């Protein structure tokens, strides 16, 4: 898959997503490169591997170029060895709502306590229905990018800035 990724991100304010989810999967990911303007990510989702390249976000943080290719699990495990220090560990829940599906990520380890939801859109101004568990919007807030959570994990944040 490649093309322009348009998404909005939100904090999650309750656990309703768990009973509304149609599926879940465990994700471990690392970053070969996590520069501000681009990232190269290796992901293992359940027993499948992926290599993803993302370009810089636009000014409002809604859109950026993304290229993703499925790779073998063995290749993904080997590439994890050359990633920058640290890994993102999370469970992703898929929650349908109206015409969209929200991806809700529950983080573990140094990002324990963080639960975020994102929805992919076809256009920046596309409207969508929000499920009841959706809280504050954090689209464009770099602190919530997975690549940034490796460098400054959620558990290290001041309580007033969460």
N, C-alpha and C. Protein backbone atom coordinates (compact mmCIF):
# COMPACT_ATOMS: atom_id res chain seq x y z
N UNK A 1 0.84 -1.18 0.00
CA UNK A 1 0.00 0.00 0.00
C UNK A 1 0.88 1.24 0.00
N UNK A 2 0.53 2.21 -0.78
CA UNK A 2 1.25 3.48 -0.74
C UNK A 2 0.30 4.58 -1.15
N UNK A 3 0.65 5.78 -0.74
CA UNK A 3 -0.17 6.93 -1.07
C UNK A 3 -0.25 7.88 0.09
N UNK A 4 -1.18 8.79 -0.01
CA UNK A 4 -1.37 9.80 1.02
C UNK A 4 -2.22 9.23 2.15
N UNK A 5 -1.68 9.29 3.36
CA UNK A 5 -2.41 8.83 4.54
C UNK A 5 -3.03 10.05 5.21
N UNK A 6 -4.34 10.05 5.36
CA UNK A 6 -5.05 11.14 6.03
C UNK A 6 -5.72 10.54 7.25
N UNK A 7 -5.33 11.00 8.43
CA UNK A 7 -5.92 10.43 9.64
C UNK A 7 -6.04 11.47 10.74
N UNK A 8 -6.95 11.21 11.66
CA UNK A 8 -7.12 12.03 12.85
C UNK A 8 -6.94 11.14 14.06
N UNK A 9 -6.29 11.71 15.09
CA UNK A 9 -5.97 10.96 16.31
C UNK A 9 -6.66 11.57 17.51
N UNK A 10 -7.07 10.70 18.43
CA UNK A 10 -7.78 11.13 19.63
C UNK A 10 -7.31 10.32 20.83
N UNK A 11 -7.38 10.93 22.00
CA UNK A 11 -7.21 10.17 23.23
C UNK A 11 -8.52 9.43 23.49
N UNK A 12 -8.43 8.35 24.23
CA UNK A 12 -9.60 7.53 24.54
C UNK A 12 -9.95 7.74 26.01
N UNK A 13 -11.23 8.00 26.29
CA UNK A 13 -11.62 8.38 27.65
C UNK A 13 -12.27 7.27 28.47
N UNK A 14 -12.57 6.12 27.86
CA UNK A 14 -13.10 4.99 28.63
C UNK A 14 -12.82 3.68 27.89
N UNK A 15 -13.21 2.57 28.49
CA UNK A 15 -12.91 1.24 27.92
C UNK A 15 -14.00 0.68 27.02
N UNK A 16 -14.96 1.49 26.62
CA UNK A 16 -16.05 1.00 25.77
C UNK A 16 -15.56 0.38 24.46
N UNK A 17 -14.40 0.81 23.99
CA UNK A 17 -13.87 0.29 22.73
C UNK A 17 -13.66 -1.22 22.79
N UNK A 18 -13.37 -1.75 23.97
CA UNK A 18 -13.09 -3.19 24.08
C UNK A 18 -14.33 -4.02 23.77
N UNK A 19 -15.49 -3.59 24.22
CA UNK A 19 -16.71 -4.36 23.95
C UNK A 19 -17.24 -4.10 22.54
N UNK A 20 -16.84 -2.97 21.93
CA UNK A 20 -17.29 -2.64 20.58
C UNK A 20 -16.36 -3.18 19.50
N UNK A 21 -15.17 -3.63 19.89
CA UNK A 21 -14.17 -4.08 18.92
C UNK A 21 -14.60 -5.37 18.23
N UNK A 22 -14.32 -5.45 16.94
CA UNK A 22 -14.61 -6.67 16.17
C UNK A 22 -13.39 -7.58 16.10
N UNK A 23 -12.19 -7.03 16.37
CA UNK A 23 -10.97 -7.84 16.40
C UNK A 23 -9.88 -7.07 17.13
N UNK A 24 -8.82 -7.80 17.48
CA UNK A 24 -7.66 -7.16 18.10
C UNK A 24 -6.41 -7.92 17.68
N UNK A 25 -5.27 -7.24 17.72
CA UNK A 25 -4.00 -7.89 17.40
C UNK A 25 -2.89 -7.23 18.20
N UNK A 26 -1.85 -8.00 18.49
CA UNK A 26 -0.69 -7.50 19.23
C UNK A 26 0.31 -6.97 18.22
N UNK A 27 0.88 -5.81 18.52
CA UNK A 27 1.83 -5.16 17.62
C UNK A 27 3.10 -4.82 18.39
N UNK A 28 4.23 -5.15 17.80
CA UNK A 28 5.53 -4.70 18.29
C UNK A 28 6.20 -4.01 17.11
N UNK A 29 6.72 -2.81 17.34
CA UNK A 29 7.36 -2.11 16.23
C UNK A 29 8.58 -1.35 16.71
N UNK A 30 9.52 -1.21 15.78
CA UNK A 30 10.73 -0.44 16.01
C UNK A 30 10.98 0.47 14.83
N UNK A 31 11.95 1.36 14.99
CA UNK A 31 12.23 2.35 13.95
C UNK A 31 13.69 2.26 13.52
N UNK A 32 13.90 2.06 12.23
CA UNK A 32 15.24 2.10 11.66
C UNK A 32 15.68 3.56 11.60
N UNK A 33 14.75 4.44 11.29
CA UNK A 33 14.99 5.89 11.23
C UNK A 33 13.75 6.59 11.75
N UNK A 34 13.95 7.55 12.65
CA UNK A 34 12.79 8.30 13.17
C UNK A 34 13.08 9.79 13.16
N UNK A 35 13.63 10.27 12.05
CA UNK A 35 13.87 11.70 11.89
C UNK A 35 12.54 12.44 11.87
N UNK A 36 12.59 13.73 12.14
CA UNK A 36 11.37 14.54 12.18
C UNK A 36 10.62 14.51 10.84
N UNK A 37 11.34 14.48 9.74
CA UNK A 37 10.71 14.56 8.43
C UNK A 37 10.32 13.23 7.81
N UNK A 38 10.83 12.13 8.37
CA UNK A 38 10.52 10.82 7.78
C UNK A 38 10.81 9.73 8.80
N UNK A 39 10.07 8.64 8.66
CA UNK A 39 10.32 7.48 9.52
C UNK A 39 10.35 6.22 8.67
N UNK A 40 11.17 5.28 9.11
CA UNK A 40 11.21 3.95 8.52
C UNK A 40 10.93 2.99 9.67
N UNK A 41 9.79 2.31 9.57
CA UNK A 41 9.30 1.49 10.68
C UNK A 41 9.27 0.02 10.29
N UNK A 42 9.62 -0.83 11.25
CA UNK A 42 9.47 -2.28 11.12
C UNK A 42 8.40 -2.69 12.12
N UNK A 43 7.42 -3.45 11.65
CA UNK A 43 6.31 -3.85 12.53
C UNK A 43 6.07 -5.35 12.43
N UNK A 44 5.82 -5.96 13.58
CA UNK A 44 5.34 -7.33 13.63
C UNK A 44 3.94 -7.26 14.24
N UNK A 45 2.97 -7.67 13.43
CA UNK A 45 1.56 -7.67 13.87
C UNK A 45 1.10 -9.11 13.89
N UNK A 46 0.90 -9.62 15.10
CA UNK A 46 0.64 -11.04 15.29
C UNK A 46 1.81 -11.82 14.67
N UNK A 47 1.63 -12.52 13.57
CA UNK A 47 2.74 -13.30 12.99
C UNK A 47 3.12 -12.80 11.60
N UNK A 48 2.83 -11.52 11.31
CA UNK A 48 3.16 -10.96 10.00
C UNK A 48 4.08 -9.76 10.16
N UNK A 49 4.96 -9.57 9.18
CA UNK A 49 5.90 -8.46 9.22
C UNK A 49 5.57 -7.39 8.19
N UNK A 50 5.94 -6.14 8.51
CA UNK A 50 5.69 -5.01 7.61
C UNK A 50 6.86 -4.03 7.70
N UNK A 51 7.16 -3.42 6.57
CA UNK A 51 8.13 -2.33 6.50
C UNK A 51 7.38 -1.12 5.98
N UNK A 52 7.46 -0.01 6.71
CA UNK A 52 6.69 1.19 6.37
C UNK A 52 7.60 2.40 6.34
N UNK A 53 7.44 3.23 5.32
CA UNK A 53 8.16 4.50 5.21
C UNK A 53 7.11 5.60 5.21
N UNK A 54 7.30 6.59 6.09
CA UNK A 54 6.37 7.72 6.15
C UNK A 54 7.15 9.01 5.95
N UNK A 55 6.56 9.91 5.17
CA UNK A 55 7.15 11.22 4.93
C UNK A 55 6.71 12.21 6.00
N UNK A 56 7.09 13.48 5.83
CA UNK A 56 6.69 14.50 6.80
C UNK A 56 5.19 14.78 6.74
N UNK A 57 4.64 15.15 7.88
CA UNK A 57 3.22 15.53 7.95
C UNK A 57 3.03 16.91 7.36
N UNK A 58 1.83 17.18 6.84
CA UNK A 58 1.54 18.53 6.38
C UNK A 58 1.39 19.45 7.59
N UNK A 59 1.12 20.73 7.36
CA UNK A 59 1.12 21.72 8.44
C UNK A 59 0.15 21.43 9.57
N UNK A 60 -1.02 20.88 9.26
CA UNK A 60 -1.99 20.62 10.32
C UNK A 60 -1.88 19.20 10.89
N UNK A 61 -0.93 18.42 10.40
CA UNK A 61 -0.69 17.09 10.93
C UNK A 61 -1.68 16.03 10.49
N UNK A 62 -2.55 16.36 9.54
CA UNK A 62 -3.59 15.41 9.11
C UNK A 62 -3.11 14.42 8.05
N UNK A 63 -2.16 14.82 7.21
CA UNK A 63 -1.82 13.99 6.05
C UNK A 63 -0.31 13.87 5.88
N UNK A 64 0.09 12.70 5.39
CA UNK A 64 1.49 12.49 5.00
C UNK A 64 1.57 11.26 4.10
N UNK A 65 2.65 11.21 3.32
CA UNK A 65 2.86 10.10 2.41
C UNK A 65 3.24 8.86 3.21
N UNK A 66 2.70 7.72 2.80
CA UNK A 66 3.03 6.46 3.45
C UNK A 66 3.20 5.37 2.40
N UNK A 67 4.26 4.58 2.57
CA UNK A 67 4.48 3.39 1.75
C UNK A 67 4.62 2.22 2.72
N UNK A 68 3.83 1.17 2.52
CA UNK A 68 3.91 0.00 3.40
C UNK A 68 3.97 -1.26 2.56
N UNK A 69 4.87 -2.18 2.96
CA UNK A 69 5.03 -3.44 2.24
C UNK A 69 5.09 -4.57 3.26
N UNK A 70 4.32 -5.61 2.98
CA UNK A 70 4.41 -6.79 3.84
C UNK A 70 5.72 -7.51 3.56
N UNK A 71 6.41 -7.91 4.62
CA UNK A 71 7.65 -8.67 4.52
C UNK A 71 7.48 -9.93 5.36
N UNK A 72 8.40 -10.86 5.22
CA UNK A 72 8.27 -12.10 6.00
C UNK A 72 8.51 -11.81 7.49
N UNK A 73 7.99 -12.67 8.32
CA UNK A 73 8.20 -12.54 9.76
C UNK A 73 9.69 -12.62 10.08
N UNK A 74 10.40 -13.52 9.40
CA UNK A 74 11.84 -13.67 9.61
C UNK A 74 12.58 -12.37 9.26
N UNK A 75 12.22 -11.75 8.13
CA UNK A 75 12.85 -10.48 7.75
C UNK A 75 12.55 -9.40 8.79
N UNK A 76 11.32 -9.34 9.25
CA UNK A 76 10.95 -8.33 10.25
C UNK A 76 11.73 -8.53 11.54
N UNK A 77 11.87 -9.77 11.97
CA UNK A 77 12.62 -10.05 13.21
C UNK A 77 14.09 -9.65 13.05
N UNK A 78 14.68 -9.90 11.89
CA UNK A 78 16.07 -9.50 11.65
C UNK A 78 16.21 -7.98 11.61
N UNK A 79 15.26 -7.30 10.96
CA UNK A 79 15.32 -5.84 10.88
C UNK A 79 15.13 -5.20 12.26
N UNK A 80 14.39 -5.84 13.14
CA UNK A 80 14.22 -5.31 14.51
C UNK A 80 15.58 -5.16 15.20
N UNK A 81 16.52 -6.03 14.84
CA UNK A 81 17.85 -5.99 15.46
C UNK A 81 18.63 -4.73 15.11
N UNK A 82 18.31 -4.08 13.99
CA UNK A 82 19.05 -2.87 13.60
C UNK A 82 18.26 -1.59 13.87
N UNK A 83 17.12 -1.73 14.53
CA UNK A 83 16.31 -0.55 14.85
C UNK A 83 16.95 0.29 15.95
N UNK A 84 16.53 1.54 16.03
CA UNK A 84 16.95 2.42 17.11
C UNK A 84 16.54 1.77 18.44
N UNK A 85 17.15 2.19 19.55
CA UNK A 85 16.80 1.59 20.85
C UNK A 85 15.32 1.77 21.19
N UNK A 86 14.76 0.75 21.84
CA UNK A 86 13.37 0.79 22.29
C UNK A 86 12.41 0.22 21.26
N UNK A 87 11.28 -0.24 21.74
CA UNK A 87 10.23 -0.78 20.88
C UNK A 87 8.88 -0.28 21.38
N UNK A 88 7.95 -0.15 20.49
CA UNK A 88 6.56 0.16 20.84
C UNK A 88 5.82 -1.17 20.93
N UNK A 89 5.15 -1.38 22.05
CA UNK A 89 4.38 -2.61 22.28
C UNK A 89 2.94 -2.20 22.58
N UNK A 90 2.00 -2.74 21.82
CA UNK A 90 0.60 -2.32 21.99
C UNK A 90 -0.35 -3.39 21.45
N UNK A 91 -1.59 -3.29 21.88
CA UNK A 91 -2.67 -4.07 21.29
C UNK A 91 -3.54 -3.10 20.50
N UNK A 92 -3.87 -3.49 19.29
CA UNK A 92 -4.74 -2.67 18.43
C UNK A 92 -6.12 -3.33 18.33
N UNK A 93 -7.14 -2.54 18.63
CA UNK A 93 -8.52 -2.97 18.54
C UNK A 93 -9.17 -2.27 17.33
N UNK A 94 -9.92 -3.01 16.52
CA UNK A 94 -10.64 -2.42 15.40
C UNK A 94 -12.10 -2.24 15.80
N UNK A 95 -12.56 -0.98 15.72
CA UNK A 95 -13.90 -0.64 16.17
C UNK A 95 -14.66 0.06 15.04
N UNK A 96 -15.63 -0.62 14.42
CA UNK A 96 -16.42 0.03 13.38
C UNK A 96 -17.36 1.07 13.99
N UNK A 97 -17.51 2.18 13.26
CA UNK A 97 -18.42 3.24 13.69
C UNK A 97 -18.90 3.96 12.44
N UNK A 98 -20.16 3.83 12.11
CA UNK A 98 -20.68 4.44 10.89
C UNK A 98 -19.97 3.84 9.69
N UNK A 99 -19.45 4.71 8.82
CA UNK A 99 -18.78 4.26 7.59
C UNK A 99 -17.28 4.05 7.79
N UNK A 100 -16.77 4.24 9.00
CA UNK A 100 -15.34 4.16 9.27
C UNK A 100 -15.03 3.09 10.31
N UNK A 101 -13.76 2.75 10.38
CA UNK A 101 -13.27 1.86 11.43
C UNK A 101 -12.19 2.60 12.21
N UNK A 102 -12.36 2.70 13.51
CA UNK A 102 -11.36 3.31 14.37
C UNK A 102 -10.37 2.24 14.80
N UNK A 103 -9.08 2.60 14.77
CA UNK A 103 -8.03 1.74 15.30
C UNK A 103 -7.68 2.28 16.67
N UNK A 104 -7.90 1.49 17.71
CA UNK A 104 -7.63 1.92 19.08
C UNK A 104 -6.41 1.17 19.58
N UNK A 105 -5.37 1.91 19.95
CA UNK A 105 -4.13 1.32 20.43
C UNK A 105 -3.99 1.50 21.93
N UNK A 106 -3.84 0.37 22.62
CA UNK A 106 -3.59 0.35 24.06
C UNK A 106 -2.11 0.00 24.24
N UNK A 107 -1.35 0.93 24.80
CA UNK A 107 0.10 0.80 24.89
C UNK A 107 0.55 0.11 26.18
N UNK A 108 1.72 -0.51 26.12
CA UNK A 108 2.32 -1.21 27.26
C UNK A 108 3.72 -0.66 27.52
N UNK A 109 4.39 -1.23 28.51
CA UNK A 109 5.76 -0.84 28.81
C UNK A 109 5.85 0.60 29.26
N UNK A 110 6.80 1.33 28.69
CA UNK A 110 7.03 2.72 29.08
C UNK A 110 5.91 3.66 28.62
N UNK A 111 5.00 3.16 27.82
CA UNK A 111 3.85 3.97 27.39
C UNK A 111 2.54 3.47 28.00
N UNK A 112 2.66 2.66 29.06
CA UNK A 112 1.49 2.13 29.78
C UNK A 112 0.60 3.29 30.22
N UNK A 113 -0.70 3.10 30.05
CA UNK A 113 -1.66 4.13 30.44
C UNK A 113 -2.14 4.97 29.27
N UNK A 114 -1.44 4.91 28.15
CA UNK A 114 -1.84 5.66 26.96
C UNK A 114 -2.74 4.79 26.09
N UNK A 115 -3.90 5.33 25.75
CA UNK A 115 -4.81 4.67 24.82
C UNK A 115 -5.24 5.72 23.81
N UNK A 116 -4.95 5.46 22.53
CA UNK A 116 -5.25 6.41 21.45
C UNK A 116 -6.09 5.74 20.38
N UNK A 117 -6.93 6.54 19.73
CA UNK A 117 -7.73 6.05 18.61
C UNK A 117 -7.42 6.90 17.39
N UNK A 118 -7.40 6.27 16.24
CA UNK A 118 -7.24 7.03 15.00
C UNK A 118 -8.23 6.51 13.97
N UNK A 119 -8.58 7.42 13.07
CA UNK A 119 -9.49 7.07 11.99
C UNK A 119 -8.88 7.59 10.69
N UNK A 120 -8.83 6.72 9.68
CA UNK A 120 -8.31 7.12 8.37
C UNK A 120 -9.45 7.66 7.54
N UNK A 121 -9.16 8.74 6.81
CA UNK A 121 -10.17 9.43 6.02
C UNK A 121 -9.76 9.49 4.56
N UNK A 122 -10.71 9.73 3.69
CA UNK A 122 -10.45 9.87 2.27
C UNK A 122 -10.07 11.29 1.88
N UNK A 123 -10.44 12.26 2.73
CA UNK A 123 -10.13 13.68 2.50
C UNK A 123 -10.01 14.37 3.85
N UNK A 124 -9.25 15.45 3.90
CA UNK A 124 -9.03 16.15 5.16
C UNK A 124 -10.32 16.70 5.76
N UNK A 125 -11.28 17.06 4.92
CA UNK A 125 -12.53 17.64 5.42
C UNK A 125 -13.67 16.63 5.51
N UNK A 126 -13.35 15.35 5.38
CA UNK A 126 -14.38 14.31 5.45
C UNK A 126 -14.99 14.25 6.85
N UNK A 127 -16.30 14.16 6.91
CA UNK A 127 -16.97 14.05 8.20
C UNK A 127 -17.05 12.58 8.61
N UNK A 128 -17.16 12.36 9.90
CA UNK A 128 -17.25 10.99 10.41
C UNK A 128 -17.95 11.00 11.76
N UNK A 129 -18.53 9.87 12.07
CA UNK A 129 -19.22 9.69 13.35
C UNK A 129 -18.18 9.31 14.40
N UNK A 130 -18.27 9.92 15.58
CA UNK A 130 -17.34 9.62 16.67
C UNK A 130 -18.00 8.69 17.69
N UNK A 131 -17.33 7.58 18.01
CA UNK A 131 -17.87 6.72 19.06
C UNK A 131 -17.77 7.41 20.43
N UNK A 132 -18.52 6.90 21.41
CA UNK A 132 -18.60 7.54 22.72
C UNK A 132 -17.29 7.51 23.51
N UNK A 133 -16.36 6.67 23.14
CA UNK A 133 -15.10 6.60 23.88
C UNK A 133 -14.07 7.63 23.43
N UNK A 134 -14.36 8.38 22.40
CA UNK A 134 -13.42 9.38 21.86
C UNK A 134 -13.32 10.58 22.79
N UNK A 135 -12.07 10.95 23.10
CA UNK A 135 -11.81 12.11 23.95
C UNK A 135 -11.15 13.23 23.16
N UNK A 136 -10.18 13.87 23.77
CA UNK A 136 -9.48 15.02 23.21
C UNK A 136 -8.77 14.66 21.90
N UNK A 137 -8.88 15.54 20.90
CA UNK A 137 -8.16 15.32 19.65
C UNK A 137 -6.70 15.71 19.82
N UNK A 138 -5.79 14.85 19.31
CA UNK A 138 -4.35 15.10 19.40
C UNK A 138 -3.69 15.04 18.02
N UNK A 139 -4.48 15.14 16.96
CA UNK A 139 -3.95 15.17 15.60
C UNK A 139 -2.91 16.27 15.50
N UNK A 140 -1.74 15.95 14.95
CA UNK A 140 -0.69 16.95 14.75
C UNK A 140 0.19 17.19 15.96
N UNK A 141 -0.16 16.66 17.13
CA UNK A 141 0.68 16.79 18.33
C UNK A 141 1.74 15.70 18.26
N UNK A 142 2.96 16.10 17.93
CA UNK A 142 4.05 15.15 17.69
C UNK A 142 4.33 14.24 18.87
N UNK A 143 4.04 14.68 20.08
CA UNK A 143 4.31 13.84 21.25
C UNK A 143 3.61 12.49 21.14
N UNK A 144 2.49 12.46 20.42
CA UNK A 144 1.70 11.24 20.30
C UNK A 144 2.07 10.38 19.09
N UNK A 145 3.06 10.80 18.31
CA UNK A 145 3.55 9.95 17.22
C UNK A 145 4.28 8.78 17.87
N UNK A 146 4.08 7.59 17.36
CA UNK A 146 4.75 6.42 17.93
C UNK A 146 6.26 6.59 17.95
N UNK A 147 6.83 7.18 16.89
CA UNK A 147 8.28 7.37 16.84
C UNK A 147 8.75 8.31 17.95
N UNK A 148 7.94 9.28 18.33
CA UNK A 148 8.29 10.19 19.42
C UNK A 148 8.09 9.54 20.78
N UNK A 149 7.14 8.62 20.88
CA UNK A 149 6.91 7.92 22.14
C UNK A 149 8.09 7.03 22.52
N UNK A 150 8.91 6.65 21.55
CA UNK A 150 10.14 5.91 21.87
C UNK A 150 11.15 6.81 22.56
N UNK A 151 11.26 8.04 22.10
CA UNK A 151 12.26 8.97 22.63
C UNK A 151 11.82 9.61 23.94
N UNK A 152 10.52 9.88 24.06
CA UNK A 152 9.97 10.46 25.29
C UNK A 152 8.67 9.72 25.61
N UNK A 153 8.81 8.58 26.31
CA UNK A 153 7.64 7.74 26.61
C UNK A 153 6.59 8.44 27.47
N UNK A 154 5.37 8.01 27.32
CA UNK A 154 4.21 8.58 28.00
C UNK A 154 4.39 8.61 29.52
N UNK A 155 4.99 7.56 30.10
CA UNK A 155 5.15 7.50 31.55
C UNK A 155 6.13 8.54 32.08
N UNK A 156 6.92 9.16 31.19
CA UNK A 156 7.87 10.19 31.62
C UNK A 156 7.29 11.60 31.54
N UNK A 157 6.09 11.74 31.00
CA UNK A 157 5.48 13.05 30.84
C UNK A 157 5.01 13.59 32.19
N UNK A 158 5.04 14.89 32.32
CA UNK A 158 4.46 15.56 33.47
C UNK A 158 2.95 15.36 33.44
N UNK A 159 2.34 15.10 34.57
CA UNK A 159 0.89 14.85 34.63
C UNK A 159 0.06 15.98 34.02
N UNK A 160 0.57 17.21 34.10
CA UNK A 160 -0.17 18.36 33.57
C UNK A 160 -0.13 18.46 32.05
N UNK A 161 0.76 17.70 31.40
CA UNK A 161 0.89 17.80 29.94
C UNK A 161 0.27 16.61 29.22
N UNK A 162 -0.29 15.66 29.96
CA UNK A 162 -0.88 14.47 29.32
C UNK A 162 -2.23 14.79 28.73
